[in-house]
Amino acid sequence: MIETVLTRPDQIRILLDSLPLPIFLLDQDLRVLDANRSGSELLSGERGVALKRKCGEVFRCVHALDSPGGCGTTEFCQQCGIRSAVEEAACRGGIVYRKKVELTVVGGGSPEGMHVLVTAVPVQAPERRLALAALEDVSDLVALQGILPICSHCKRIRRDDQYWEQVESYFKKNLDLRFTHGICPECMKKHYPDQAEAVYPEKTQK
């Protein structure tokens, strides 16, 4: 039998704040009622201002910002993956696990796509229908799953703006990955035959 350890609200708050995923407490109208530490950081330090506002306004959904009525009043809201996940949890008591959702948000002054995995569970509250929703940003992973045009000779990658960029620079900019360089046995033998046997003796004795 599993013993219940976390029973006090302060213990649950510590647990939620320790998680790296942004987690939000939402009502059935998608108003943000609370957030864990990661969620507050996603709100750009505006936690107090963001609370009680609707999800689309907080995350700067392009459709919510374009409509006078805001989040929940546009034709796109009926197909919103976050809205359907929260409604499933808050209104019907269901559980949504890592549902893939694509958003268009205003970032840096221009619309940009954002891919998230949404997990939503119902929360019991007196006379209220609430949901706890975790949003996992997988935009970088989705970008990697696409096909990257790469030059068959120089191995540079073609960006979306049609400019060609070095592989190292592309991955550093998009995924914050740094490269260290070496030389494989085949290239060592081809370009540095005098040193190849000393560096890769087992590869050159064929």
C-alpha atoms as a PDB file:
ATOM      1  CA  MET A   1       0.000   0.000   0.000  1.00  0.00           C
ATOM      2  CA  ILE A   2       1.368   3.434  -0.960  1.00  0.00           C
ATOM      3  CA  GLU A   3       1.578   5.841   1.950  1.00  0.00           C
ATOM      4  CA  THR A   4       0.327   9.368   1.371  1.00  0.00           C
ATOM      5  CA  VAL A   5       3.196  11.704   2.220  1.00  0.00           C
ATOM      6  CA  LEU A   6       2.237  15.027   0.660  1.00  0.00           C
ATOM      7  CA  THR A   7      -0.878  16.207   2.465  1.00  0.00           C
ATOM      8  CA  ARG A   8      -0.280  19.872   3.272  1.00  0.00           C
ATOM      9  CA  PRO A   9      -0.673  22.628   0.658  1.00  0.00           C
ATOM     10  CA  ASP A  10       2.835  23.939   1.342  1.00  0.00           C
ATOM     11  CA  GLN A  11       4.309  20.504   0.605  1.00  0.00           C
ATOM     12  CA  ILE A  12       2.450  20.311  -2.692  1.00  0.00           C
ATOM     13  CA  ARG A  13       3.602  23.841  -3.582  1.00  0.00           C
ATOM     14  CA  ILE A  14       7.251  22.881  -2.952  1.00  0.00           C
ATOM     15  CA  LEU A  15       6.836  19.815  -5.153  1.00  0.00           C
ATOM     16  CA  LEU A  16       5.265  21.757  -8.024  1.00  0.00           C
ATOM     17  CA  ASP A  17       7.871  24.521  -7.808  1.00  0.00           C
ATOM     18  CA  SER A  18      10.665  21.952  -8.040  1.00  0.00           C
ATOM     19  CA  LEU A  19       9.411  20.626 -11.384  1.00  0.00           C
ATOM     20  CA  PRO A  20      11.080  22.062 -14.515  1.00  0.00           C
ATOM     21  CA  LEU A  21       7.832  22.107 -16.528  1.00  0.00           C
ATOM     22  CA  PRO A  22       5.550  25.172 -16.490  1.00  0.00           C
ATOM     23  CA  ILE A  23       2.379  24.173 -14.631  1.00  0.00           C
ATOM     24  CA  PHE A  24      -0.746  26.323 -14.416  1.00  0.00           C
ATOM     25  CA  LEU A  25      -3.980  26.186 -12.458  1.00  0.00           C
ATOM     26  CA  LEU A  26      -6.782  27.142 -14.858  1.00  0.00           C
ATOM     27  CA  ASP A  27     -10.528  27.444 -14.599  1.00  0.00           C
ATOM     28  CA  GLN A  28     -12.914  26.202 -17.290  1.00  0.00           C
ATOM     29  CA  ASP A  29     -12.709  29.575 -19.066  1.00  0.00           C
ATOM     30  CA  LEU A  30      -8.911  29.238 -19.285  1.00  0.00           C
ATOM     31  CA  ARG A  31      -8.176  31.947 -16.736  1.00  0.00           C
ATOM     32  CA  VAL A  32      -4.768  31.536 -15.112  1.00  0.00           C
ATOM     33  CA  LEU A  33      -5.357  31.287 -11.354  1.00  0.00           C
ATOM     34  CA  ASP A  34      -1.893  30.199 -10.255  1.00  0.00           C
ATOM     35  CA  ALA A  35       1.425  28.912 -11.584  1.00  0.00           C
ATOM     36  CA  ASN A  36       4.482  27.084 -10.314  1.00  0.00           C
ATOM     37  CA  ARG A  37       7.950  28.639 -10.443  1.00  0.00           C
ATOM     38  CA  SER A  38       8.653  27.518 -14.022  1.00  0.00           C
ATOM     39  CA  GLY A  39       5.252  28.767 -15.101  1.00  0.00           C
ATOM     40  CA  SER A  40       5.881  32.145 -13.481  1.00  0.00           C
ATOM     41  CA  GLU A  41       9.180  32.436 -15.359  1.00  0.00           C
ATOM     42  CA  LEU A  42       7.312  31.762 -18.594  1.00  0.00           C
ATOM     43  CA  LEU A  43       5.071  34.706 -17.765  1.00  0.00           C
ATOM     44  CA  SER A  44       8.145  36.960 -18.062  1.00  0.00           C
ATOM     45  CA  GLY A  45       8.084  37.899 -14.412  1.00  0.00           C
ATOM     46  CA  GLU A  46       4.531  39.236 -14.646  1.00  0.00           C
ATOM     47  CA  ARG A  47       2.919  36.631 -12.422  1.00  0.00           C
ATOM     48  CA  GLY A  48       0.759  39.060 -10.471  1.00  0.00           C
ATOM     49  CA  VAL A  49      -0.357  40.821 -13.632  1.00  0.00           C
ATOM     50  CA  ALA A  50      -1.018  37.603 -15.534  1.00  0.00           C
ATOM     51  CA  LEU A  51      -3.211  35.971 -12.906  1.00  0.00           C
ATOM     52  CA  LYS A  52      -6.939  36.086 -13.643  1.00  0.00           C
ATOM     53  CA  ARG A  53      -6.203  36.747 -17.316  1.00  0.00           C
ATOM     54  CA  LYS A  54      -7.061  34.175 -19.959  1.00  0.00           C
ATOM     55  CA  CYS A  55      -4.495  31.738 -21.237  1.00  0.00           C
ATOM     56  CA  GLY A  56      -4.401  33.126 -24.788  1.00  0.00           C
ATOM     57  CA  GLU A  57      -3.667  36.633 -23.526  1.00  0.00           C
ATOM     58  CA  VAL A  58      -0.949  35.453 -21.138  1.00  0.00           C
ATOM     59  CA  PHE A  59       0.862  33.445 -23.814  1.00  0.00           C
ATOM     60  CA  ARG A  60       0.242  36.145 -26.443  1.00  0.00           C
ATOM     61  CA  CYS A  61      -1.715  33.916 -28.811  1.00  0.00           C
ATOM     62  CA  VAL A  62      -1.936  35.760 -32.119  1.00  0.00           C
ATOM     63  CA  HIS A  63      -5.660  35.010 -32.461  1.00  0.00           C
ATOM     64  CA  ALA A  64      -6.511  36.235 -28.958  1.00  0.00           C
ATOM     65  CA  LEU A  65      -4.601  39.474 -29.514  1.00  0.00           C
ATOM     66  CA  ASP A  66      -6.261  40.109 -32.884  1.00  0.00           C
ATOM     67  CA  SER A  67      -9.806  39.733 -31.572  1.00  0.00           C
ATOM     68  CA  PRO A  68     -11.590  42.521 -29.636  1.00  0.00           C
ATOM     69  CA  GLY A  69     -13.181  39.872 -27.424  1.00  0.00           C
ATOM     70  CA  GLY A  70      -9.868  38.185 -26.705  1.00  0.00           C
ATOM     71  CA  CYS A  71      -9.211  34.542 -25.867  1.00  0.00           C
ATOM     72  CA  GLY A  72     -12.208  32.261 -26.355  1.00  0.00           C
ATOM     73  CA  THR A  73     -14.108  34.474 -28.802  1.00  0.00           C
ATOM     74  CA  THR A  74     -12.405  33.764 -32.136  1.00  0.00           C
ATOM     75  CA  GLU A  75     -13.217  31.129 -34.729  1.00  0.00           C
ATOM     76  CA  PHE A  76      -9.866  29.486 -34.005  1.00  0.00           C
ATOM     77  CA  CYS A  77     -10.621  29.000 -30.296  1.00  0.00           C
ATOM     78  CA  GLN A  78     -12.897  26.021 -30.956  1.00  0.00           C
ATOM     79  CA  GLN A  79      -9.906  24.139 -32.376  1.00  0.00           C
ATOM     80  CA  CYS A  80      -7.480  25.258 -29.645  1.00  0.00           C
ATOM     81  CA  GLY A  81      -5.706  22.201 -28.240  1.00  0.00           C
ATOM     82  CA  ILE A  82      -5.047  23.788 -24.853  1.00  0.00           C
ATOM     83  CA  ARG A  83      -8.702  24.791 -24.494  1.00  0.00           C
ATOM     84  CA  SER A  84      -9.979  21.316 -25.360  1.00  0.00           C
ATOM     85  CA  ALA A  85      -7.519  19.685 -22.930  1.00  0.00           C
ATOM     86  CA  VAL A  86      -8.497  21.986 -20.053  1.00  0.00           C
ATOM     87  CA  GLU A  87     -12.211  21.555 -20.764  1.00  0.00           C
ATOM     88  CA  GLU A  88     -11.785  17.766 -20.810  1.00  0.00           C
ATOM     89  CA  ALA A  89     -10.155  17.887 -17.374  1.00  0.00           C
ATOM     90  CA  ALA A  90     -12.138  20.673 -15.696  1.00  0.00           C
ATOM     91  CA  CYS A  91     -15.607  20.016 -17.113  1.00  0.00           C
ATOM     92  CA  ARG A  92     -15.623  16.256 -17.681  1.00  0.00           C
ATOM     93  CA  GLY A  93     -13.068  15.058 -15.141  1.00  0.00           C
ATOM     94  CA  GLY A  94     -10.907  13.440 -17.794  1.00  0.00           C
ATOM     95  CA  ILE A  95      -7.134  13.262 -18.027  1.00  0.00           C
ATOM     96  CA  VAL A  96      -5.227  14.454 -21.088  1.00  0.00           C
ATOM     97  CA  TYR A  97      -1.641  13.207 -21.346  1.00  0.00           C
ATOM     98  CA  ARG A  98       0.954  14.941 -23.521  1.00  0.00           C
ATOM     99  CA  LYS A  99      -1.393  16.081 -26.259  1.00  0.00           C
ATOM    100  CA  LYS A 100       0.560  17.698 -29.088  1.00  0.00           C
ATOM    101  CA  VAL A 101      -0.617  21.252 -29.744  1.00  0.00           C
ATOM    102  CA  GLU A 102       0.625  23.884 -32.182  1.00  0.00           C
ATOM    103  CA  LEU A 103       0.258  27.553 -31.266  1.00  0.00           C
ATOM    104  CA  THR A 104       0.955  30.780 -33.099  1.00  0.00           C
ATOM    105  CA  VAL A 105       2.261  33.336 -30.627  1.00  0.00           C
ATOM    106  CA  VAL A 106       3.624  36.852 -30.926  1.00  0.00           C
ATOM    107  CA  GLY A 107       7.304  36.730 -30.078  1.00  0.00           C
ATOM    108  CA  GLY A 108       9.822  39.436 -30.829  1.00  0.00           C
ATOM    109  CA  GLY A 109       7.194  41.505 -32.607  1.00  0.00           C
ATOM    110  CA  SER A 110       6.220  38.902 -35.218  1.00  0.00           C
ATOM    111  CA  PRO A 111       4.104  35.704 -35.144  1.00  0.00           C
ATOM    112  CA  GLU A 112       5.995  32.455 -34.653  1.00  0.00           C
ATOM    113  CA  GLY A 113       4.984  28.829 -34.310  1.00  0.00           C
ATOM    114  CA  MET A 114       5.250  27.032 -30.987  1.00  0.00           C
ATOM    115  CA  HIS A 115       4.771  23.305 -30.381  1.00  0.00           C
ATOM    116  CA  VAL A 116       3.815  22.098 -26.900  1.00  0.00           C
ATOM    117  CA  LEU A 117       2.740  18.868 -25.246  1.00  0.00           C
ATOM    118  CA  VAL A 118      -0.226  19.522 -22.952  1.00  0.00           C
ATOM    119  CA  THR A 119      -1.022  17.396 -19.915  1.00  0.00           C
ATOM    120  CA  ALA A 120      -4.198  18.308 -18.004  1.00  0.00           C
ATOM    121  CA  VAL A 121      -5.799  16.766 -14.907  1.00  0.00           C
ATOM    122  CA  PRO A 122      -8.923  17.786 -12.953  1.00  0.00           C
ATOM    123  CA  VAL A 123      -8.593  19.578  -9.614  1.00  0.00           C
ATOM    124  CA  GLN A 124     -11.263  19.314  -6.948  1.00  0.00           C
ATOM    125  CA  ALA A 125     -12.381  22.687  -5.607  1.00  0.00           C
ATOM    126  CA  PRO A 126     -15.562  23.862  -3.846  1.00  0.00           C
ATOM    127  CA  GLU A 127     -18.143  24.932  -6.433  1.00  0.00           C
ATOM    128  CA  ARG A 128     -15.482  25.396  -9.110  1.00  0.00           C
ATOM    129  CA  ARG A 129     -14.238  23.396 -12.065  1.00  0.00           C
ATOM    130  CA  LEU A 130     -10.476  23.656 -12.314  1.00  0.00           C
ATOM    131  CA  ALA A 131      -7.640  21.924 -14.112  1.00  0.00           C
ATOM    132  CA  LEU A 132      -3.917  21.625 -13.574  1.00  0.00           C
ATOM    133  CA  ALA A 133      -2.138  21.910 -16.924  1.00  0.00           C
ATOM    134  CA  ALA A 134       1.531  21.277 -17.723  1.00  0.00           C
ATOM    135  CA  LEU A 135       2.947  22.715 -20.945  1.00  0.00           C
ATOM    136  CA  GLU A 136       6.079  21.106 -22.384  1.00  0.00           C
ATOM    137  CA  ASP A 137       7.721  23.152 -25.149  1.00  0.00           C
ATOM    138  CA  VAL A 138       8.981  20.756 -27.850  1.00  0.00           C
ATOM    139  CA  SER A 139       9.469  23.307 -30.639  1.00  0.00           C
ATOM    140  CA  ASP A 140      13.180  22.485 -30.980  1.00  0.00           C
ATOM    141  CA  LEU A 141      12.484  18.748 -31.218  1.00  0.00           C
ATOM    142  CA  VAL A 142       9.807  19.275 -33.858  1.00  0.00           C
ATOM    143  CA  ALA A 143      12.208  21.418 -35.875  1.00  0.00           C
ATOM    144  CA  LEU A 144      14.813  18.650 -35.767  1.00  0.00           C
ATOM    145  CA  GLN A 145      12.278  16.109 -36.996  1.00  0.00           C
ATOM    146  CA  GLY A 146      11.862  18.096 -40.191  1.00  0.00           C
ATOM    147  CA  ILE A 147      14.136  17.699 -43.198  1.00  0.00           C
ATOM    148  CA  LEU A 148      17.089  20.080 -43.203  1.00  0.00           C
ATOM    149  CA  PRO A 149      18.425  20.909 -46.687  1.00  0.00           C
ATOM    150  CA  ILE A 150      22.189  20.373 -46.516  1.00  0.00           C
ATOM    151  CA  CYS A 151      24.779  20.917 -49.254  1.00  0.00           C
ATOM    152  CA  SER A 152      26.251  17.618 -50.457  1.00  0.00           C
ATOM    153  CA  HIS A 153      29.689  19.234 -50.859  1.00  0.00           C
ATOM    154  CA  CYS A 154      30.344  21.847 -48.170  1.00  0.00           C
ATOM    155  CA  LYS A 155      27.689  20.460 -45.743  1.00  0.00           C
ATOM    156  CA  ARG A 156      26.204  23.873 -44.986  1.00  0.00           C
ATOM    157  CA  ILE A 157      22.509  23.984 -44.009  1.00  0.00           C
ATOM    158  CA  ARG A 158      19.945  26.084 -45.853  1.00  0.00           C
ATOM    159  CA  ARG A 159      17.896  28.192 -43.468  1.00  0.00           C
ATOM    160  CA  ASP A 160      14.270  29.220 -43.915  1.00  0.00           C
ATOM    161  CA  ASP A 161      15.383  32.589 -45.296  1.00  0.00           C
ATOM    162  CA  GLN A 162      17.301  30.765 -48.076  1.00  0.00           C
ATOM    163  CA  TYR A 163      20.728  31.621 -46.663  1.00  0.00           C
ATOM    164  CA  TRP A 164      23.292  28.860 -46.193  1.00  0.00           C
ATOM    165  CA  GLU A 165      24.879  28.448 -42.779  1.00  0.00           C
ATOM    166  CA  GLN A 166      27.618  26.277 -41.298  1.00  0.00           C
ATOM    167  CA  VAL A 167      26.345  23.214 -39.412  1.00  0.00           C
ATOM    168  CA  GLU A 168      28.090  24.289 -36.221  1.00  0.00           C
ATOM    169  CA  SER A 169      26.578  27.769 -36.333  1.00  0.00           C
ATOM    170  CA  TYR A 170      23.084  26.459 -37.124  1.00  0.00           C
ATOM    171  CA  PHE A 171      22.938  24.046 -34.183  1.00  0.00           C
ATOM    172  CA  LYS A 172      24.518  26.543 -31.793  1.00  0.00           C
ATOM    173  CA  LYS A 173      21.904  29.156 -32.676  1.00  0.00           C
ATOM    174  CA  ASN A 174      18.862  26.848 -32.651  1.00  0.00           C
ATOM    175  CA  LEU A 175      19.716  24.263 -29.986  1.00  0.00           C
ATOM    176  CA  ASP A 176      22.583  25.880 -28.084  1.00  0.00           C
ATOM    177  CA  LEU A 177      24.868  22.974 -29.017  1.00  0.00           C
ATOM    178  CA  ARG A 178      28.624  23.414 -29.240  1.00  0.00           C
ATOM    179  CA  PHE A 179      30.861  21.264 -31.440  1.00  0.00           C
ATOM    180  CA  THR A 180      34.386  19.994 -30.961  1.00  0.00           C
ATOM    181  CA  HIS A 181      36.284  18.904 -34.051  1.00  0.00           C
ATOM    182  CA  GLY A 182      38.259  15.775 -34.776  1.00  0.00           C
ATOM    183  CA  ILE A 183      39.194  13.804 -37.860  1.00  0.00           C
ATOM    184  CA  CYS A 184      37.922  10.355 -38.799  1.00  0.00           C
ATOM    185  CA  PRO A 185      40.286   7.514 -39.858  1.00  0.00           C
ATOM    186  CA  GLU A 186      39.304   7.725 -43.533  1.00  0.00           C
ATOM    187  CA  CYS A 187      39.955  11.472 -43.777  1.00  0.00           C
ATOM    188  CA  MET A 188      43.145  11.097 -41.751  1.00  0.00           C
ATOM    189  CA  LYS A 189      44.453   8.537 -44.230  1.00  0.00           C
ATOM    190  CA  LYS A 190      43.397  10.656 -47.214  1.00  0.00           C
ATOM    191  CA  HIS A 191      44.693  14.048 -46.090  1.00  0.00           C
ATOM    192  CA  TYR A 192      47.486  13.119 -43.662  1.00  0.00           C
ATOM    193  CA  PRO A 193      48.826   9.742 -44.824  1.00  0.00           C
ATOM    194  CA  ASP A 194      52.162  10.232 -43.049  1.00  0.00           C
ATOM    195  CA  GLN A 195      50.512  10.587 -39.637  1.00  0.00           C
ATOM    196  CA  ALA A 196      47.563   8.232 -40.221  1.00  0.00           C
ATOM    197  CA  GLU A 197      49.300   5.039 -39.130  1.00  0.00           C
ATOM    198  CA  ALA A 198      50.503   6.594 -35.887  1.00  0.00           C
ATOM    199  CA  VAL A 199      47.077   7.964 -34.989  1.00  0.00           C
ATOM    200  CA  TYR A 200      44.908   5.079 -36.248  1.00  0.00           C
ATOM    201  CA  PRO A 201      47.235   2.067 -36.601  1.00  0.00           C
ATOM    202  CA  GLU A 202      44.414  -0.479 -36.601  1.00  0.00           C
ATOM    203  CA  LYS A 203      42.563   1.419 -39.359  1.00  0.00           C
ATOM    204  CA  THR A 204      45.509   1.721 -41.763  1.00  0.00           C
ATOM    205  CA  GLN A 205      46.725  -1.858 -41.658  1.00  0.00           C
ATOM    206  CA  LYS A 206      44.229  -3.244 -44.167  1.00  0.00           C
END
